[in-house]
C-alpha atoms as a PDB file:
ATOM      1  CA  GLU A   1      53.698  27.289 100.446  1.00  0.00           C
ATOM      2  CA  ASN A   2      52.789  27.086 104.102  1.00  0.00           C
ATOM      3  CA  CYS A   3      55.880  25.723 105.774  1.00  0.00           C
ATOM      4  CA  ALA A   4      54.049  25.150 109.033  1.00  0.00           C
ATOM      5  CA  THR A   5      52.385  22.170 107.346  1.00  0.00           C
ATOM      6  CA  ALA A   6      55.362  21.118 105.234  1.00  0.00           C
ATOM      7  CA  PRO A   7      56.180  17.883 107.138  1.00  0.00           C
ATOM      8  CA  GLN A   8      52.717  16.552 106.269  1.00  0.00           C
ATOM      9  CA  TYR A   9      53.438  16.466 102.557  1.00  0.00           C
ATOM     10  CA  LEU A  10      57.111  15.696 102.239  1.00  0.00           C
ATOM     11  CA  ILE A  11      57.738  12.955  99.699  1.00  0.00           C
ATOM     12  CA  SER A  12      60.692  10.595  99.920  1.00  0.00           C
ATOM     13  CA  MET A  13      62.214   9.839  96.515  1.00  0.00           C
ATOM     14  CA  HIS A  14      65.870   9.456  95.688  1.00  0.00           C
ATOM     15  CA  PHE A  15      66.899  12.138  93.192  1.00  0.00           C
ATOM     16  CA  TYR A  16      70.340  13.161  91.998  1.00  0.00           C
ATOM     17  CA  PRO A  17      71.430  15.801  89.453  1.00  0.00           C
ATOM     18  CA  ASP A  18      71.843  15.310  85.696  1.00  0.00           C
ATOM     19  CA  GLN A  19      69.510  12.341  85.413  1.00  0.00           C
ATOM     20  CA  ILE A  20      66.150  11.668  83.745  1.00  0.00           C
ATOM     21  CA  PHE A  21      63.514  10.377  86.171  1.00  0.00           C
ATOM     22  CA  HIS A  22      60.101   8.889  85.545  1.00  0.00           C
ATOM     23  CA  ILE A  23      57.855  10.401  88.224  1.00  0.00           C
ATOM     24  CA  TYR A  24      54.319   9.099  88.545  1.00  0.00           C
ATOM     25  CA  ASN A  25      51.354   8.877  90.870  1.00  0.00           C
ATOM     26  CA  GLN A  26      47.648   8.110  90.843  1.00  0.00           C
ATOM     27  CA  GLY A  27      44.528   8.943  92.780  1.00  0.00           C
ATOM     28  CA  ASN A  28      43.836   7.228  96.071  1.00  0.00           C
ATOM     29  CA  ASN A  29      42.231   3.866  95.321  1.00  0.00           C
ATOM     30  CA  ARG A  30      42.682   4.713  91.626  1.00  0.00           C
ATOM     31  CA  ARG A  31      40.034   7.426  91.869  1.00  0.00           C
ATOM     32  CA  ARG A  32      39.938  10.395  89.493  1.00  0.00           C
ATOM     33  CA  ILE A  33      42.197  13.333  90.123  1.00  0.00           C
ATOM     34  CA  PHE A  34      41.056  15.394  87.126  1.00  0.00           C
ATOM     35  CA  PHE A  35      37.350  16.093  86.689  1.00  0.00           C
ATOM     36  CA  THR A  36      37.240  19.006  84.232  1.00  0.00           C
ATOM     37  CA  ASP A  37      39.411  20.593  81.568  1.00  0.00           C
ATOM     38  CA  GLU A  38      40.097  23.418  83.994  1.00  0.00           C
ATOM     39  CA  ASN A  39      41.496  20.888  86.497  1.00  0.00           C
ATOM     40  CA  TYR A  40      44.005  19.664  83.912  1.00  0.00           C
ATOM     41  CA  ARG A  41      45.027  23.216  83.051  1.00  0.00           C
ATOM     42  CA  PHE A  42      45.386  24.156  86.732  1.00  0.00           C
ATOM     43  CA  PHE A  43      47.641  21.143  87.361  1.00  0.00           C
ATOM     44  CA  LEU A  44      49.803  22.089  84.367  1.00  0.00           C
ATOM     45  CA  TRP A  45      50.359  25.528  85.902  1.00  0.00           C
ATOM     46  CA  LYS A  46      51.361  23.781  89.135  1.00  0.00           C
ATOM     47  CA  MET A  47      53.868  21.638  87.250  1.00  0.00           C
ATOM     48  CA  ARG A  48      55.358  24.763  85.716  1.00  0.00           C
ATOM     49  CA  ALA A  49      55.520  26.560  89.055  1.00  0.00           C
ATOM     50  CA  TYR A  50      56.898  23.857  91.340  1.00  0.00           C
ATOM     51  CA  LEU A  51      59.184  21.733  89.133  1.00  0.00           C
ATOM     52  CA  LEU A  52      60.794  23.974  86.511  1.00  0.00           C
ATOM     53  CA  PRO A  53      63.130  25.590  89.082  1.00  0.00           C
ATOM     54  CA  PHE A  54      64.805  22.173  89.331  1.00  0.00           C
ATOM     55  CA  GLY A  55      65.077  21.113  85.681  1.00  0.00           C
ATOM     56  CA  ASP A  56      63.129  20.325  82.516  1.00  0.00           C
ATOM     57  CA  PHE A  57      60.183  18.194  81.491  1.00  0.00           C
ATOM     58  CA  ILE A  58      61.218  15.770  78.759  1.00  0.00           C
ATOM     59  CA  SER A  59      57.700  14.362  78.363  1.00  0.00           C
ATOM     60  CA  TRP A  60      54.484  14.287  80.349  1.00  0.00           C
ATOM     61  CA  CYS A  61      50.945  12.943  80.274  1.00  0.00           C
ATOM     62  CA  LEU A  62      47.960  13.612  82.533  1.00  0.00           C
ATOM     63  CA  MET A  63      45.322  10.878  82.651  1.00  0.00           C
ATOM     64  CA  PRO A  64      41.954  11.019  84.432  1.00  0.00           C
ATOM     65  CA  ASN A  65      43.252   9.161  87.506  1.00  0.00           C
ATOM     66  CA  HIS A  66      47.042   9.387  87.269  1.00  0.00           C
ATOM     67  CA  PHE A  67      49.972  11.306  85.810  1.00  0.00           C
ATOM     68  CA  HIS A  68      53.386  10.584  84.314  1.00  0.00           C
ATOM     69  CA  TRP A  69      56.347  12.954  84.091  1.00  0.00           C
ATOM     70  CA  GLN A  70      59.681  12.315  82.436  1.00  0.00           C
ATOM     71  CA  PHE A  71      61.806  14.924  84.158  1.00  0.00           C
ATOM     72  CA  TYR A  72      65.461  15.861  83.738  1.00  0.00           C
ATOM     73  CA  ALA A  73      66.754  17.001  87.119  1.00  0.00           C
ATOM     74  CA  LYS A  74      69.468  19.645  86.794  1.00  0.00           C
ATOM     75  CA  GLN A  75      69.558  20.289  90.521  1.00  0.00           C
ATOM     76  CA  ILE A  76      67.755  18.769  93.473  1.00  0.00           C
ATOM     77  CA  GLU A  77      67.930  21.666  95.956  1.00  0.00           C
ATOM     78  CA  ILE A  78      67.504  25.446  95.628  1.00  0.00           C
ATOM     79  CA  GLU A  79      67.179  28.366  98.017  1.00  0.00           C
ATOM     80  CA  VAL A  80      63.729  29.106  99.400  1.00  0.00           C
ATOM     81  CA  ARG A  81      64.010  32.655  98.054  1.00  0.00           C
ATOM     82  CA  LEU A  82      64.515  31.550  94.446  1.00  0.00           C
ATOM     83  CA  PHE A  83      61.843  28.880  94.700  1.00  0.00           C
ATOM     84  CA  ARG A  84      59.256  31.309  96.065  1.00  0.00           C
ATOM     85  CA  GLU A  85      60.052  33.896  93.400  1.00  0.00           C
ATOM     86  CA  HIS A  86      59.427  31.374  90.640  1.00  0.00           C
ATOM     87  CA  VAL A  87      56.257  29.941  92.204  1.00  0.00           C
ATOM     88  CA  ASP A  88      54.786  33.407  92.848  1.00  0.00           C
ATOM     89  CA  GLU A  89      55.639  34.698  89.379  1.00  0.00           C
ATOM     90  CA  THR A  90      54.082  31.647  87.732  1.00  0.00           C
ATOM     91  CA  GLU A  91      50.949  31.867  89.883  1.00  0.00           C
ATOM     92  CA  TYR A  92      50.517  35.520  88.964  1.00  0.00           C
ATOM     93  CA  ARG A  93      50.851  34.626  85.277  1.00  0.00           C
ATOM     94  CA  ARG A  94      48.151  31.987  85.755  1.00  0.00           C
ATOM     95  CA  ARG A  95      45.859  34.556  87.365  1.00  0.00           C
ATOM     96  CA  LEU A  96      46.504  37.032  84.556  1.00  0.00           C
ATOM     97  CA  HIS A  97      45.730  34.347  81.993  1.00  0.00           C
ATOM     98  CA  LYS A  98      42.478  33.421  83.727  1.00  0.00           C
ATOM     99  CA  TYR A  99      41.231  36.735  85.150  1.00  0.00           C
ATOM    100  CA  GLY A 100      42.968  39.399  83.040  1.00  0.00           C
ATOM    101  CA  LYS A 101      43.049  42.848  84.653  1.00  0.00           C
ATOM    102  CA  ARG A 102      41.129  41.491  87.653  1.00  0.00           C
ATOM    103  CA  ALA A 103      44.107  39.314  88.648  1.00  0.00           C
ATOM    104  CA  GLN A 104      45.407  39.962  92.149  1.00  0.00           C
ATOM    105  CA  PRO A 105      49.133  39.940  93.010  1.00  0.00           C
ATOM    106  CA  VAL A 106      50.431  36.969  94.970  1.00  0.00           C
ATOM    107  CA  ASP A 107      50.875  37.606  98.696  1.00  0.00           C
ATOM    108  CA  ARG A 108      51.631  34.620 100.904  1.00  0.00           C
ATOM    109  CA  SER A 109      53.907  36.367 103.385  1.00  0.00           C
ATOM    110  CA  TRP A 110      51.432  35.760 106.216  1.00  0.00           C
ATOM    111  CA  SER A 111      51.803  31.967 105.901  1.00  0.00           C
ATOM    112  CA  ARG A 112      55.533  31.666 105.304  1.00  0.00           C
ATOM    113  CA  LYS A 113      57.750  30.719 108.219  1.00  0.00           C
ATOM    114  CA  ARG A 114      60.977  29.533 106.610  1.00  0.00           C
ATOM    115  CA  ARG A 115      63.960  31.814 106.150  1.00  0.00           C
ATOM    116  CA  GLN A 116      64.891  32.998 102.677  1.00  0.00           C
ATOM    117  CA  ASN A 117      68.297  31.303 102.714  1.00  0.00           C
ATOM    118  CA  GLU A 118      66.959  27.863 103.646  1.00  0.00           C
ATOM    119  CA  ILE A 119      66.819  25.070 101.078  1.00  0.00           C
ATOM    120  CA  VAL A 120      63.876  23.496  99.245  1.00  0.00           C
ATOM    121  CA  SER A 121      64.377  20.048  97.726  1.00  0.00           C
ATOM    122  CA  LEU A 122      62.799  18.582  94.606  1.00  0.00           C
ATOM    123  CA  ASN A 123      61.103  16.064  96.895  1.00  0.00           C
ATOM    124  CA  GLU A 124      59.477  18.864  98.877  1.00  0.00           C
ATOM    125  CA  ALA A 125      58.429  20.702  95.731  1.00  0.00           C
ATOM    126  CA  ILE A 126      56.548  17.661  94.403  1.00  0.00           C
ATOM    127  CA  GLY A 127      54.875  17.253  97.786  1.00  0.00           C
ATOM    128  CA  MET A 128      53.877  20.918  97.800  1.00  0.00           C
ATOM    129  CA  LEU A 129      52.420  20.581  94.305  1.00  0.00           C
ATOM    130  CA  GLU A 130      50.263  17.595  95.240  1.00  0.00           C
ATOM    131  CA  HIS A 131      49.208  19.227  98.493  1.00  0.00           C
ATOM    132  CA  SER A 132      48.278  22.513  96.827  1.00  0.00           C
ATOM    133  CA  TYR A 133      46.345  20.816  94.032  1.00  0.00           C
ATOM    134  CA  SER A 134      44.537  18.519  96.483  1.00  0.00           C
ATOM    135  CA  GLN A 135      43.435  21.479  98.593  1.00  0.00           C
ATOM    136  CA  ALA A 136      42.028  23.263  95.547  1.00  0.00           C
ATOM    137  CA  ILE A 137      40.127  20.197  94.260  1.00  0.00           C
ATOM    138  CA  ASN A 138      38.754  19.317  97.702  1.00  0.00           C
ATOM    139  CA  LYS A 139      37.462  22.860  98.075  1.00  0.00           C
ATOM    140  CA  GLU A 140      35.995  22.897  94.568  1.00  0.00           C
ATOM    141  CA  ARG A 141      34.217  19.549  94.909  1.00  0.00           C
ATOM    142  CA  ASN A 142      33.453  19.622  98.633  1.00  0.00           C
ATOM    143  CA  MET A 143      35.677  16.638  99.343  1.00  0.00           C
ATOM    144  CA  SER A 144      38.208  15.879 102.055  1.00  0.00           C
ATOM    145  CA  GLY A 145      41.240  13.711 102.625  1.00  0.00           C
ATOM    146  CA  SER A 146      44.234  12.915 100.466  1.00  0.00           C
ATOM    147  CA  LEU A 147      43.587  13.060  96.718  1.00  0.00           C
ATOM    148  CA  PHE A 148      46.795  11.251  95.719  1.00  0.00           C
ATOM    149  CA  ARG A 149      48.147   7.869  96.639  1.00  0.00           C
ATOM    150  CA  LYS A 150      51.131   8.067  98.981  1.00  0.00           C
ATOM    151  CA  PRO A 151      53.938   8.088  98.311  1.00  0.00           C
ATOM    152  CA  CYS A 152      54.519   9.559  94.866  1.00  0.00           C
ATOM    153  CA  LYS A 153      57.186   7.495  93.097  1.00  0.00           C
ATOM    154  CA  ALA A 154      60.182   8.139  90.877  1.00  0.00           C
ATOM    155  CA  LYS A 155      62.342   5.716  88.930  1.00  0.00           C
ATOM    156  CA  ASP A 156      65.419   5.985  86.797  1.00  0.00           C
ATOM    157  CA  GLY A 157      64.794   2.364  85.792  1.00  0.00           C
ATOM    158  CA  PHE A 158      61.836   0.098  85.032  1.00  0.00           C
ATOM    159  CA  ILE A 159      58.488   0.781  86.720  1.00  0.00           C
ATOM    160  CA  GLU A 160      57.449  -2.709  87.695  1.00  0.00           C
ATOM    161  CA  GLU A 161      54.070  -1.636  89.083  1.00  0.00           C
ATOM    162  CA  LEU A 162      52.792  -0.057  85.871  1.00  0.00           C
ATOM    163  CA  VAL A 163      54.685  -1.956  83.179  1.00  0.00           C
ATOM    164  CA  THR A 164      54.935  -5.731  82.806  1.00  0.00           C
ATOM    165  CA  LEU A 165      57.662  -7.541  80.917  1.00  0.00           C
ATOM    166  CA  ARG A 166      55.244 -10.053  79.394  1.00  0.00           C
ATOM    167  CA  LYS A 167      52.109  -9.663  77.311  1.00  0.00           C
ATOM    168  CA  PRO A 168      48.834 -11.383  78.335  1.00  0.00           C
ATOM    169  CA  ASN A 169      49.723 -14.345  76.062  1.00  0.00           C
ATOM    170  CA  GLY A 170      52.953 -14.858  77.987  1.00  0.00           C
ATOM    171  CA  GLN A 171      55.317 -13.585  75.291  1.00  0.00           C
ATOM    172  CA  LEU A 172      58.045 -11.110  76.213  1.00  0.00           C
ATOM    173  CA  ASP A 173      57.062  -7.513  75.461  1.00  0.00           C
ATOM    174  CA  HIS A 174      59.602  -6.244  72.914  1.00  0.00           C
ATOM    175  CA  ARG A 175      59.513  -2.793  74.507  1.00  0.00           C
ATOM    176  CA  PHE A 176      61.385  -4.087  77.549  1.00  0.00           C
ATOM    177  CA  MET A 177      63.842  -6.593  76.159  1.00  0.00           C
ATOM    178  CA  SER A 178      67.541  -6.336  76.955  1.00  0.00           C
ATOM    179  CA  GLY A 179      69.389  -3.549  75.163  1.00  0.00           C
ATOM    180  CA  ILE A 180      66.399  -1.234  74.755  1.00  0.00           C
ATOM    181  CA  ASN A 181      67.028   2.319  76.010  1.00  0.00           C
ATOM    182  CA  TYR A 182      64.747   2.825  79.019  1.00  0.00           C
ATOM    183  CA  ASP A 183      64.438   6.587  78.584  1.00  0.00           C
ATOM    184  CA  TYR A 184      63.210   6.057  75.013  1.00  0.00           C
ATOM    185  CA  VAL A 185      60.811   3.316  76.119  1.00  0.00           C
ATOM    186  CA  CYS A 186      59.492   5.532  78.910  1.00  0.00           C
ATOM    187  CA  PHE A 187      58.979   8.400  76.457  1.00  0.00           C
ATOM    188  CA  CYS A 188      56.873   6.177  74.190  1.00  0.00           C
ATOM    189  CA  TYR A 189      55.006   4.576  77.082  1.00  0.00           C
ATOM    190  CA  ILE A 190      54.015   7.950  78.535  1.00  0.00           C
ATOM    191  CA  HIS A 191      52.699   9.308  75.241  1.00  0.00           C
ATOM    192  CA  ASP A 192      50.854   6.094  74.350  1.00  0.00           C
ATOM    193  CA  ASN A 193      48.921   5.955  77.649  1.00  0.00           C
ATOM    194  CA  PRO A 194      45.734   7.661  76.316  1.00  0.00           C
ATOM    195  CA  GLU A 195      45.707   5.509  73.175  1.00  0.00           C
ATOM    196  CA  GLU A 196      46.221   2.290  75.120  1.00  0.00           C
ATOM    197  CA  ALA A 197      43.450   3.301  77.541  1.00  0.00           C
ATOM    198  CA  GLY A 198      41.028   3.779  74.646  1.00  0.00           C
ATOM    199  CA  LEU A 199      40.590   7.502  75.242  1.00  0.00           C
ATOM    200  CA  VAL A 200      41.776   8.461  71.735  1.00  0.00           C
ATOM    201  CA  LYS A 201      42.617   6.789  68.436  1.00  0.00           C
ATOM    202  CA  LYS A 202      46.191   8.089  68.349  1.00  0.00           C
ATOM    203  CA  ASN A 203      48.408   9.625  70.996  1.00  0.00           C
ATOM    204  CA  THR A 204      48.468  13.096  69.411  1.00  0.00           C
ATOM    205  CA  ASP A 205      44.670  13.333  69.803  1.00  0.00           C
ATOM    206  CA  TRP A 206      45.025  13.613  73.587  1.00  0.00           C
ATOM    207  CA  PRO A 207      45.488  17.285  74.578  1.00  0.00           C
ATOM    208  CA  TYR A 208      46.997  16.635  77.997  1.00  0.00           C
ATOM    209  CA  SER A 209      50.390  15.234  77.032  1.00  0.00           C
ATOM    210  CA  SER A 210      53.510  16.450  75.267  1.00  0.00           C
ATOM    211  CA  ALA A 211      52.884  14.228  72.208  1.00  0.00           C
ATOM    212  CA  ARG A 212      51.528  17.143  70.179  1.00  0.00           C
ATOM    213  CA  ASP A 213      54.596  19.241  70.940  1.00  0.00           C
ATOM    214  CA  TYR A 214      56.957  16.562  69.627  1.00  0.00           C
ATOM    215  CA  ALA A 215      54.776  16.033  66.541  1.00  0.00           C
ATOM    216  CA  GLY A 216      54.961  19.748  65.738  1.00  0.00           C
ATOM    217  CA  LEU A 217      51.202  20.219  66.215  1.00  0.00           C
ATOM    218  CA  ARG A 218      51.567  22.608  69.155  1.00  0.00           C
ATOM    219  CA  LYS A 219      54.245  25.018  70.328  1.00  0.00           C
ATOM    220  CA  GLY A 220      53.978  24.394  74.035  1.00  0.00           C
ATOM    221  CA  THR A 221      56.499  25.870  76.462  1.00  0.00           C
ATOM    222  CA  LEU A 222      56.192  23.465  79.402  1.00  0.00           C
ATOM    223  CA  CYS A 223      58.185  20.651  77.830  1.00  0.00           C
ATOM    224  CA  ASN A 224      61.789  21.130  76.663  1.00  0.00           C
ATOM    225  CA  VAL A 225      61.342  19.433  73.300  1.00  0.00           C
ATOM    226  CA  GLU A 226      64.807  20.310  72.007  1.00  0.00           C
ATOM    227  CA  LEU A 227      66.469  18.758  75.044  1.00  0.00           C
ATOM    228  CA  GLY A 228      64.214  15.712  74.783  1.00  0.00           C
ATOM    229  CA  ARG A 229      65.064  15.152  71.127  1.00  0.00           C
ATOM    230  CA  ARG A 230      68.755  15.502  71.869  1.00  0.00           C
ATOM    231  CA  LEU A 231      68.788  13.172  74.873  1.00  0.00           C
ATOM    232  CA  LEU A 232      66.596  10.540  73.199  1.00  0.00           C
ATOM    233  CA  GLY A 233      68.074  10.824  69.712  1.00  0.00           C
ATOM    234  CA  LEU A 234      64.777  11.702  68.041  1.00  0.00           C
ATOM    235  CA  GLU A 235      64.343  13.242  64.617  1.00  0.00           C
ATOM    236  CA  LYS A 236      62.359  16.477  64.311  1.00  0.00           C
ATOM    237  CA  ASN A 237      58.576  15.943  64.683  1.00  0.00           C
ATOM    238  CA  GLU A 238      59.138  12.252  65.459  1.00  0.00           C
ATOM    239  CA  ILE A 239      56.614  10.627  67.799  1.00  0.00           C
ATOM    240  CA  PRO A 240      57.398   6.902  67.777  1.00  0.00           C
ATOM    241  CA  SER A 241      54.991   4.315  69.108  1.00  0.00           C
ATOM    242  CA  LEU A 242      56.147   1.025  70.582  1.00  0.00           C
ATOM    243  CA  LEU A 243      52.643  -0.341  71.020  1.00  0.00           C
ATOM    244  CA  GLY A 244      51.402  -3.310  69.098  1.00  0.00           C
END
């Protein structure tokens, strides 16, 4: 992270510890943010590097022009030293995975201005992730400007911009009626995005979400499936769908 440019990508969201948040954003003007399979995989490494120091992913889904995270925040601030150690270690693992013995160690000391005992917030970390990914994609595709819509958003309640309470025929959507657990609804909504968008026939067909992990079809390590099942009260290998 280059702290000289940090103020340009700070993101203002209200986080507090021990809470599940739905964090989401989309491309500027709804444009694509993922163009190739490698782009998706690169972004997943960024998620691992920049967010896991603060908590756990409960569920996630990457779509061609937007993303959804269901994230359990254990803490909202950590020391710069600890944050950098995690980011650098994860980046080196990514390089090893991609380049093997040709992977180069991470050295960003030349660009780092902040002191080791300063604090990095979860807000900053999300901003750094988007900034870092945007720089890489702009360089790869010879583009310029902001890739993501500003600001990124987080809710611990309903997301009125992306979810409506009524169906097109005017009837109330049963997913959002009174008494329904929002975290459970959000979990289903995130996983059903690719199916509802017509990208796949069922949610577990989409490789860029945690649906396969919960269905027992993949042993991914990004998402904390055990914590998710416990917090949401899910049975083993259960992937419910509230569509229809």
